[in-house]
Amino acid sequence: MSQTSARNDTRPMPGTRMRGYSSGLLLLLEVLVVPAALSLISNSWSAPDAEAYVRMAFAQVAGSVIAIGTVVLLVAQRIVRRSRIQNIAAFVFIAVAVILWKATNLQRTSDFLLNGLGVGS
């Protein structure tokens, strides 16, 4: 009985491994690189019109949703894997920081869109 319980404590639950993807790489790509790439792709390189403002705002929103979803899923993955409490706490701290950062970014994006469309004050 003790062999079974010791083995279950050291091995992650089936289906919870990320198979070759490190958490740091996912954080870097999904929180910084993908949103920046979306912004660059949707940027208006000339004087923006209403369509360009909407396109740029939606790219910012999509990047924020991807970043927030990534950190939430990484925290959930750590909890399901039954990682050490220090590891879970570190990922929760990172998740809270990213969520606050991206929520602020969403507020700035809405202001940018409203001002670009001439609706804002």
N, C-alpha and C. Protein backbone atom coordinates (compact mmCIF):
# COMPACT_ATOMS: atom_id res chain seq x y z
N MET A 1 0.82 -1.19 0.00
CA MET A 1 0.00 0.00 0.00
C MET A 1 0.86 1.26 0.00
N SER A 2 1.97 1.22 0.73
CA SER A 2 2.80 2.41 0.79
C SER A 2 3.49 2.69 -0.55
N GLN A 3 3.78 1.63 -1.34
CA GLN A 3 4.39 1.85 -2.64
C GLN A 3 3.43 2.56 -3.58
N THR A 4 2.18 2.20 -3.53
CA THR A 4 1.19 2.81 -4.41
C THR A 4 1.00 4.28 -4.07
N SER A 5 0.87 4.61 -2.79
CA SER A 5 0.66 6.00 -2.42
C SER A 5 1.89 6.84 -2.69
N ALA A 6 3.09 6.29 -2.52
CA ALA A 6 4.31 7.05 -2.81
C ALA A 6 4.43 7.30 -4.30
N ARG A 7 4.07 6.31 -5.10
CA ARG A 7 4.16 6.47 -6.55
C ARG A 7 3.15 7.50 -7.05
N ASN A 8 1.96 7.54 -6.49
CA ASN A 8 0.94 8.48 -6.92
C ASN A 8 1.29 9.91 -6.54
N ASP A 9 2.05 10.10 -5.47
CA ASP A 9 2.42 11.44 -5.05
C ASP A 9 3.49 12.05 -5.95
N THR A 10 4.32 11.24 -6.60
CA THR A 10 5.41 11.77 -7.40
C THR A 10 5.07 11.89 -8.87
N ARG A 11 4.10 11.15 -9.35
CA ARG A 11 3.74 11.21 -10.76
C ARG A 11 2.53 12.10 -10.96
N PRO A 12 2.55 12.91 -12.01
CA PRO A 12 1.38 13.75 -12.27
C PRO A 12 0.21 12.89 -12.75
N MET A 13 -0.98 13.42 -12.60
CA MET A 13 -2.17 12.72 -13.05
C MET A 13 -2.10 12.55 -14.57
N PRO A 14 -2.63 11.46 -15.10
CA PRO A 14 -2.61 11.26 -16.55
C PRO A 14 -3.34 12.39 -17.27
N GLY A 15 -2.75 12.84 -18.35
CA GLY A 15 -3.37 13.89 -19.16
C GLY A 15 -3.07 15.30 -18.70
N THR A 16 -2.23 15.48 -17.67
CA THR A 16 -1.95 16.82 -17.17
C THR A 16 -0.56 17.32 -17.57
N ARG A 17 0.24 16.49 -18.22
CA ARG A 17 1.55 16.95 -18.69
C ARG A 17 1.38 17.80 -19.93
N MET A 18 2.29 18.74 -20.11
CA MET A 18 2.21 19.63 -21.27
C MET A 18 3.09 19.16 -22.42
N ARG A 19 3.62 17.96 -22.36
CA ARG A 19 4.35 17.29 -23.43
C ARG A 19 5.26 18.21 -24.25
N GLY A 20 6.36 18.59 -23.65
CA GLY A 20 7.36 19.34 -24.38
C GLY A 20 7.24 20.85 -24.30
N TYR A 21 6.19 21.36 -23.70
CA TYR A 21 6.02 22.80 -23.58
C TYR A 21 6.35 23.22 -22.15
N SER A 22 7.26 24.14 -22.01
CA SER A 22 7.56 24.63 -20.67
C SER A 22 6.63 25.79 -20.34
N SER A 23 6.35 25.95 -19.07
CA SER A 23 5.46 27.02 -18.62
C SER A 23 6.06 28.39 -18.92
N GLY A 24 7.35 28.52 -18.76
CA GLY A 24 8.00 29.80 -19.06
C GLY A 24 7.89 30.18 -20.52
N LEU A 25 8.04 29.19 -21.40
CA LEU A 25 7.91 29.45 -22.83
C LEU A 25 6.48 29.85 -23.18
N LEU A 26 5.50 29.14 -22.60
CA LEU A 26 4.10 29.49 -22.84
C LEU A 26 3.80 30.90 -22.34
N LEU A 27 4.28 31.24 -21.15
CA LEU A 27 4.06 32.59 -20.63
C LEU A 27 4.66 33.64 -21.55
N LEU A 28 5.88 33.42 -21.97
CA LEU A 28 6.55 34.38 -22.84
C LEU A 28 5.80 34.55 -24.16
N LEU A 29 5.46 33.44 -24.78
CA LEU A 29 4.79 33.51 -26.08
C LEU A 29 3.39 34.08 -25.99
N GLU A 30 2.59 33.56 -25.07
CA GLU A 30 1.17 33.90 -25.02
C GLU A 30 0.87 35.22 -24.32
N VAL A 31 1.77 35.69 -23.50
CA VAL A 31 1.53 36.95 -22.78
C VAL A 31 2.22 38.13 -23.48
N LEU A 32 3.35 37.89 -24.10
CA LEU A 32 4.08 39.00 -24.72
C LEU A 32 4.11 38.92 -26.25
N VAL A 33 4.51 37.80 -26.81
CA VAL A 33 4.77 37.72 -28.24
C VAL A 33 3.48 37.73 -29.05
N VAL A 34 2.51 36.89 -28.71
CA VAL A 34 1.28 36.81 -29.50
C VAL A 34 0.50 38.13 -29.47
N PRO A 35 0.27 38.75 -28.30
CA PRO A 35 -0.42 40.05 -28.34
C PRO A 35 0.34 41.12 -29.13
N ALA A 36 1.65 41.13 -29.01
CA ALA A 36 2.44 42.11 -29.78
C ALA A 36 2.33 41.83 -31.27
N ALA A 37 2.35 40.58 -31.65
CA ALA A 37 2.22 40.22 -33.07
C ALA A 37 0.84 40.61 -33.60
N LEU A 38 -0.20 40.37 -32.81
CA LEU A 38 -1.54 40.77 -33.23
C LEU A 38 -1.63 42.28 -33.41
N SER A 39 -1.02 43.01 -32.51
CA SER A 39 -1.03 44.47 -32.62
C SER A 39 -0.30 44.94 -33.87
N LEU A 40 0.85 44.34 -34.15
CA LEU A 40 1.61 44.73 -35.33
C LEU A 40 0.87 44.37 -36.62
N ILE A 41 0.25 43.21 -36.64
CA ILE A 41 -0.47 42.78 -37.84
C ILE A 41 -1.66 43.70 -38.12
N SER A 42 -2.35 44.10 -37.06
CA SER A 42 -3.58 44.89 -37.26
C SER A 42 -3.33 46.39 -37.26
N ASN A 43 -2.09 46.81 -37.10
CA ASN A 43 -1.78 48.23 -37.03
C ASN A 43 -2.09 48.92 -38.35
N SER A 44 -2.51 50.16 -38.25
CA SER A 44 -2.74 50.97 -39.43
C SER A 44 -1.48 51.79 -39.67
N TRP A 45 -0.83 51.55 -40.79
CA TRP A 45 0.45 52.20 -41.06
C TRP A 45 0.28 53.55 -41.72
N SER A 46 -0.95 53.95 -41.96
CA SER A 46 -1.23 55.28 -42.49
C SER A 46 -2.25 55.94 -41.56
N ALA A 47 -2.82 57.02 -41.98
CA ALA A 47 -3.84 57.69 -41.16
C ALA A 47 -5.02 56.75 -40.97
N PRO A 48 -5.34 56.39 -39.72
CA PRO A 48 -6.40 55.40 -39.50
C PRO A 48 -7.79 55.98 -39.72
N ASP A 49 -8.65 55.13 -40.27
CA ASP A 49 -10.06 55.48 -40.39
C ASP A 49 -10.82 54.68 -39.33
N ALA A 50 -12.13 54.74 -39.35
CA ALA A 50 -12.94 54.07 -38.34
C ALA A 50 -12.71 52.56 -38.36
N GLU A 51 -12.59 51.99 -39.54
CA GLU A 51 -12.36 50.55 -39.66
C GLU A 51 -11.03 50.15 -39.03
N ALA A 52 -10.00 50.96 -39.22
CA ALA A 52 -8.69 50.68 -38.66
C ALA A 52 -8.72 50.76 -37.13
N TYR A 53 -9.44 51.74 -36.58
CA TYR A 53 -9.54 51.84 -35.13
C TYR A 53 -10.22 50.61 -34.54
N VAL A 54 -11.26 50.14 -35.17
CA VAL A 54 -11.97 48.95 -34.68
C VAL A 54 -11.07 47.72 -34.80
N ARG A 55 -10.37 47.58 -35.91
CA ARG A 55 -9.47 46.45 -36.11
C ARG A 55 -8.36 46.44 -35.06
N MET A 56 -7.77 47.59 -34.79
CA MET A 56 -6.70 47.67 -33.79
C MET A 56 -7.23 47.37 -32.39
N ALA A 57 -8.43 47.86 -32.08
CA ALA A 57 -9.02 47.60 -30.76
C ALA A 57 -9.32 46.12 -30.59
N PHE A 58 -9.88 45.50 -31.61
CA PHE A 58 -10.18 44.07 -31.49
C PHE A 58 -8.92 43.23 -31.39
N ALA A 59 -7.85 43.62 -32.02
CA ALA A 59 -6.58 42.90 -31.88
C ALA A 59 -6.07 43.01 -30.46
N GLN A 60 -6.20 44.20 -29.86
CA GLN A 60 -5.78 44.37 -28.46
C GLN A 60 -6.63 43.50 -27.53
N VAL A 61 -7.92 43.46 -27.78
CA VAL A 61 -8.81 42.64 -26.95
C VAL A 61 -8.47 41.16 -27.11
N ALA A 62 -8.24 40.73 -28.34
CA ALA A 62 -7.89 39.33 -28.58
C ALA A 62 -6.58 38.97 -27.88
N GLY A 63 -5.60 39.83 -27.95
CA GLY A 63 -4.33 39.59 -27.27
C GLY A 63 -4.49 39.51 -25.77
N SER A 64 -5.34 40.36 -25.21
CA SER A 64 -5.58 40.33 -23.77
C SER A 64 -6.31 39.06 -23.35
N VAL A 65 -7.28 38.64 -24.14
CA VAL A 65 -8.01 37.41 -23.83
C VAL A 65 -7.08 36.20 -23.89
N ILE A 66 -6.21 36.15 -24.87
CA ILE A 66 -5.25 35.05 -24.99
C ILE A 66 -4.32 35.04 -23.78
N ALA A 67 -3.82 36.20 -23.38
CA ALA A 67 -2.90 36.26 -22.24
C ALA A 67 -3.59 35.86 -20.94
N ILE A 68 -4.79 36.36 -20.71
CA ILE A 68 -5.51 36.03 -19.48
C ILE A 68 -5.88 34.55 -19.47
N GLY A 69 -6.35 34.04 -20.58
CA GLY A 69 -6.68 32.62 -20.66
C GLY A 69 -5.49 31.72 -20.40
N THR A 70 -4.33 32.11 -20.92
CA THR A 70 -3.12 31.32 -20.72
C THR A 70 -2.73 31.24 -19.26
N VAL A 71 -2.71 32.37 -18.57
CA VAL A 71 -2.28 32.32 -17.17
C VAL A 71 -3.29 31.60 -16.30
N VAL A 72 -4.58 31.74 -16.60
CA VAL A 72 -5.60 31.02 -15.82
C VAL A 72 -5.46 29.52 -16.04
N LEU A 73 -5.25 29.11 -17.28
CA LEU A 73 -5.09 27.68 -17.56
C LEU A 73 -3.80 27.12 -16.97
N LEU A 74 -2.74 27.91 -16.92
CA LEU A 74 -1.51 27.44 -16.29
C LEU A 74 -1.69 27.26 -14.78
N VAL A 75 -2.44 28.14 -14.15
CA VAL A 75 -2.72 27.97 -12.72
C VAL A 75 -3.57 26.72 -12.51
N ALA A 76 -4.60 26.56 -13.34
CA ALA A 76 -5.45 25.37 -13.21
C ALA A 76 -4.66 24.09 -13.45
N GLN A 77 -3.74 24.12 -14.40
CA GLN A 77 -2.91 22.96 -14.67
C GLN A 77 -2.03 22.62 -13.48
N ARG A 78 -1.50 23.64 -12.82
CA ARG A 78 -0.69 23.41 -11.62
C ARG A 78 -1.52 22.81 -10.49
N ILE A 79 -2.74 23.28 -10.35
CA ILE A 79 -3.61 22.76 -9.28
C ILE A 79 -3.99 21.31 -9.58
N VAL A 80 -4.36 21.02 -10.81
CA VAL A 80 -4.76 19.65 -11.18
C VAL A 80 -3.59 18.70 -11.04
N ARG A 81 -2.39 19.17 -11.37
CA ARG A 81 -1.20 18.33 -11.25
C ARG A 81 -0.76 18.13 -9.81
N ARG A 82 -1.38 18.87 -8.92
CA ARG A 82 -1.03 18.81 -7.49
C ARG A 82 0.43 19.18 -7.27
N SER A 83 0.82 20.31 -7.85
CA SER A 83 2.17 20.82 -7.67
C SER A 83 2.34 21.31 -6.23
N ARG A 84 3.59 21.62 -5.88
CA ARG A 84 3.87 22.16 -4.56
C ARG A 84 3.15 23.49 -4.38
N ILE A 85 2.81 23.82 -3.16
CA ILE A 85 2.06 25.05 -2.88
C ILE A 85 2.85 26.29 -3.28
N GLN A 86 4.18 26.24 -3.17
CA GLN A 86 5.01 27.38 -3.57
C GLN A 86 4.90 27.60 -5.08
N ASN A 87 4.86 26.53 -5.84
CA ASN A 87 4.75 26.62 -7.29
C ASN A 87 3.38 27.18 -7.68
N ILE A 88 2.35 26.70 -7.03
CA ILE A 88 1.00 27.20 -7.30
C ILE A 88 0.91 28.68 -6.93
N ALA A 89 1.47 29.05 -5.79
CA ALA A 89 1.43 30.45 -5.34
C ALA A 89 2.17 31.36 -6.32
N ALA A 90 3.29 30.90 -6.84
CA ALA A 90 4.05 31.70 -7.81
C ALA A 90 3.23 31.92 -9.08
N PHE A 91 2.56 30.88 -9.54
CA PHE A 91 1.75 31.03 -10.74
C PHE A 91 0.51 31.88 -10.49
N VAL A 92 -0.05 31.80 -9.29
CA VAL A 92 -1.18 32.66 -8.95
C VAL A 92 -0.74 34.12 -8.94
N PHE A 93 0.43 34.39 -8.39
CA PHE A 93 0.96 35.75 -8.37
C PHE A 93 1.16 36.27 -9.79
N ILE A 94 1.76 35.44 -10.64
CA ILE A 94 1.95 35.83 -12.05
C ILE A 94 0.61 36.07 -12.72
N ALA A 95 -0.35 35.19 -12.46
CA ALA A 95 -1.68 35.31 -13.08
C ALA A 95 -2.36 36.60 -12.65
N VAL A 96 -2.29 36.93 -11.37
CA VAL A 96 -2.92 38.16 -10.89
C VAL A 96 -2.26 39.38 -11.53
N ALA A 97 -0.93 39.36 -11.62
CA ALA A 97 -0.22 40.48 -12.25
C ALA A 97 -0.61 40.63 -13.71
N VAL A 98 -0.68 39.53 -14.44
CA VAL A 98 -1.03 39.60 -15.87
C VAL A 98 -2.48 40.04 -16.03
N ILE A 99 -3.38 39.53 -15.20
CA ILE A 99 -4.80 39.91 -15.30
C ILE A 99 -4.98 41.39 -15.03
N LEU A 100 -4.31 41.92 -14.01
CA LEU A 100 -4.40 43.36 -13.73
C LEU A 100 -3.82 44.19 -14.86
N TRP A 101 -2.68 43.75 -15.40
CA TRP A 101 -2.04 44.46 -16.51
C TRP A 101 -2.94 44.47 -17.73
N LYS A 102 -3.50 43.33 -18.06
CA LYS A 102 -4.35 43.24 -19.26
C LYS A 102 -5.70 43.92 -19.05
N ALA A 103 -6.21 43.94 -17.83
CA ALA A 103 -7.46 44.67 -17.57
C ALA A 103 -7.24 46.17 -17.78
N THR A 104 -6.10 46.67 -17.33
CA THR A 104 -5.75 48.06 -17.58
C THR A 104 -5.60 48.32 -19.07
N ASN A 105 -4.99 47.36 -19.76
CA ASN A 105 -4.83 47.47 -21.21
C ASN A 105 -6.19 47.51 -21.91
N LEU A 106 -7.16 46.74 -21.43
CA LEU A 106 -8.50 46.76 -22.01
C LEU A 106 -9.17 48.11 -21.80
N GLN A 107 -8.96 48.72 -20.64
CA GLN A 107 -9.52 50.05 -20.38
C GLN A 107 -8.92 51.08 -21.34
N ARG A 108 -7.60 51.02 -21.53
CA ARG A 108 -6.96 51.94 -22.46
C ARG A 108 -7.42 51.70 -23.90
N THR A 109 -7.66 50.44 -24.23
CA THR A 109 -8.13 50.11 -25.57
C THR A 109 -9.52 50.69 -25.83
N SER A 110 -10.40 50.59 -24.84
CA SER A 110 -11.74 51.15 -25.03
C SER A 110 -11.67 52.67 -25.17
N ASP A 111 -10.82 53.32 -24.38
CA ASP A 111 -10.64 54.76 -24.53
C ASP A 111 -10.08 55.12 -25.91
N PHE A 112 -9.10 54.33 -26.37
CA PHE A 112 -8.49 54.54 -27.70
C PHE A 112 -9.54 54.42 -28.79
N LEU A 113 -10.39 53.40 -28.69
CA LEU A 113 -11.41 53.18 -29.72
C LEU A 113 -12.43 54.31 -29.72
N LEU A 114 -12.90 54.69 -28.55
CA LEU A 114 -13.90 55.75 -28.47
C LEU A 114 -13.34 57.08 -28.96
N ASN A 115 -12.12 57.40 -28.57
CA ASN A 115 -11.50 58.64 -29.05
C ASN A 115 -11.24 58.60 -30.54
N GLY A 116 -10.82 57.44 -31.05
CA GLY A 116 -10.56 57.32 -32.49
C GLY A 116 -11.82 57.45 -33.33
N LEU A 117 -12.95 57.00 -32.78
CA LEU A 117 -14.19 57.11 -33.50
C LEU A 117 -14.89 58.44 -33.28
N GLY A 118 -14.32 59.25 -32.39
CA GLY A 118 -14.90 60.56 -32.11
C GLY A 118 -16.08 60.51 -31.18
N VAL A 119 -16.26 59.40 -30.47
CA VAL A 119 -17.38 59.26 -29.54
C VAL A 119 -16.99 59.72 -28.14
N GLY A 120 -15.73 59.52 -27.77
CA GLY A 120 -15.26 59.87 -26.43
C GLY A 120 -15.17 61.37 -26.23
N SER A 121 -15.10 61.74 -24.97
CA SER A 121 -15.04 63.18 -24.67
C SER A 121 -13.64 63.72 -24.72
